[in-house]
C-alpha cells in the first residue's frame, strides 16, 4: 500500500497528532494510522469530515 502523504502533511499542518484527529472524528487512532499508511480509506461521510477539519479538498486527500 502507498502512504497518503497529503493526509499526513495536512494533519501536521494543523498541528494535530493522529490521536487528536481521531478524537475529533470520534474514531480510533489506529483508524487514522491506517488511512495514512494506505491500508484503508474512510467512508465518504467521514472523508468529508476529515476534509472539513483539515481544510483540504476531499479529492486531494483521498481520491488521487
Protein backbone atom coordinates (compact mmCIF):
# COMPACT_ATOMS: atom_id res chain seq x y z
CA UNK A 1 0.00 0.00 0.00
CA UNK A 2 1.05 3.57 -0.66
CA UNK A 3 1.24 6.10 2.16
CA UNK A 4 -1.11 9.06 1.98
CA UNK A 5 1.48 11.83 2.33
CA UNK A 6 -1.11 14.51 1.59
CA UNK A 7 -3.19 13.46 4.58
CA UNK A 8 -0.11 13.27 6.81
CA UNK A 9 1.07 16.75 5.75
CA UNK A 10 -2.41 18.26 6.18
CA UNK A 11 -2.76 16.78 9.68
CA UNK A 12 0.68 18.02 10.70
CA UNK A 13 0.00 21.47 9.20
CA UNK A 14 -2.93 21.74 11.63
CA UNK A 15 -0.53 20.65 14.41
CA UNK A 16 -2.63 17.60 15.21
CA UNK A 17 -1.45 14.18 16.30
CA UNK A 18 -3.16 11.08 14.95
CA UNK A 19 -4.81 10.69 18.35
CA UNK A 20 -6.10 14.27 18.37
CA UNK A 21 -7.55 13.90 14.88
CA UNK A 22 -9.11 10.58 15.88
CA UNK A 23 -10.74 12.23 18.91
CA UNK A 24 -12.21 14.99 16.75
CA UNK A 25 -13.57 12.39 14.31
CA UNK A 26 -14.72 10.07 17.11
CA UNK A 27 -12.69 7.13 15.82
CA UNK A 28 -9.59 5.24 16.92
CA UNK A 29 -6.01 6.40 16.44
CA UNK A 30 -5.30 3.17 14.56
CA UNK A 31 -8.01 4.10 12.07
CA UNK A 32 -6.24 7.38 11.27
CA UNK A 33 -2.94 5.50 11.07
CA UNK A 34 -4.47 3.01 8.61
CA UNK A 35 -5.67 5.86 6.38
CA UNK A 36 -2.23 7.48 6.45
CA UNK A 37 -0.44 4.22 5.72
CA UNK A 38 -2.75 3.32 2.86
CA UNK A 39 -4.31 0.26 4.48
CA UNK A 40 -7.82 1.68 4.29
CA UNK A 41 -9.84 4.76 3.38
CA UNK A 42 -12.62 6.39 5.37
CA UNK A 43 -16.24 6.18 4.36
CA UNK A 44 -17.40 9.08 2.23
CA UNK A 45 -19.15 10.88 5.09
CA UNK A 46 -16.06 10.55 7.32
CA UNK A 47 -13.80 11.65 4.46
CA UNK A 48 -15.86 14.85 4.17
CA UNK A 49 -15.43 15.44 7.91
CA UNK A 50 -11.65 14.90 7.66
CA UNK A 51 -11.57 17.33 4.75
CA UNK A 52 -13.52 19.89 6.76
CA UNK A 53 -11.34 19.53 9.87
CA UNK A 54 -8.07 19.76 7.93
CA UNK A 55 -9.24 22.43 5.48
CA UNK A 56 -8.20 20.42 2.42
CA UNK A 57 -10.36 19.37 -0.53
CA UNK A 58 -11.66 15.80 -0.16
CA UNK A 59 -10.45 14.73 -3.59
CA UNK A 60 -6.95 15.99 -2.79
CA UNK A 61 -6.88 14.00 0.45
CA UNK A 62 -8.28 10.65 -0.64
CA UNK A 63 -9.00 10.32 -4.33
CA UNK A 64 -5.77 10.99 -6.21
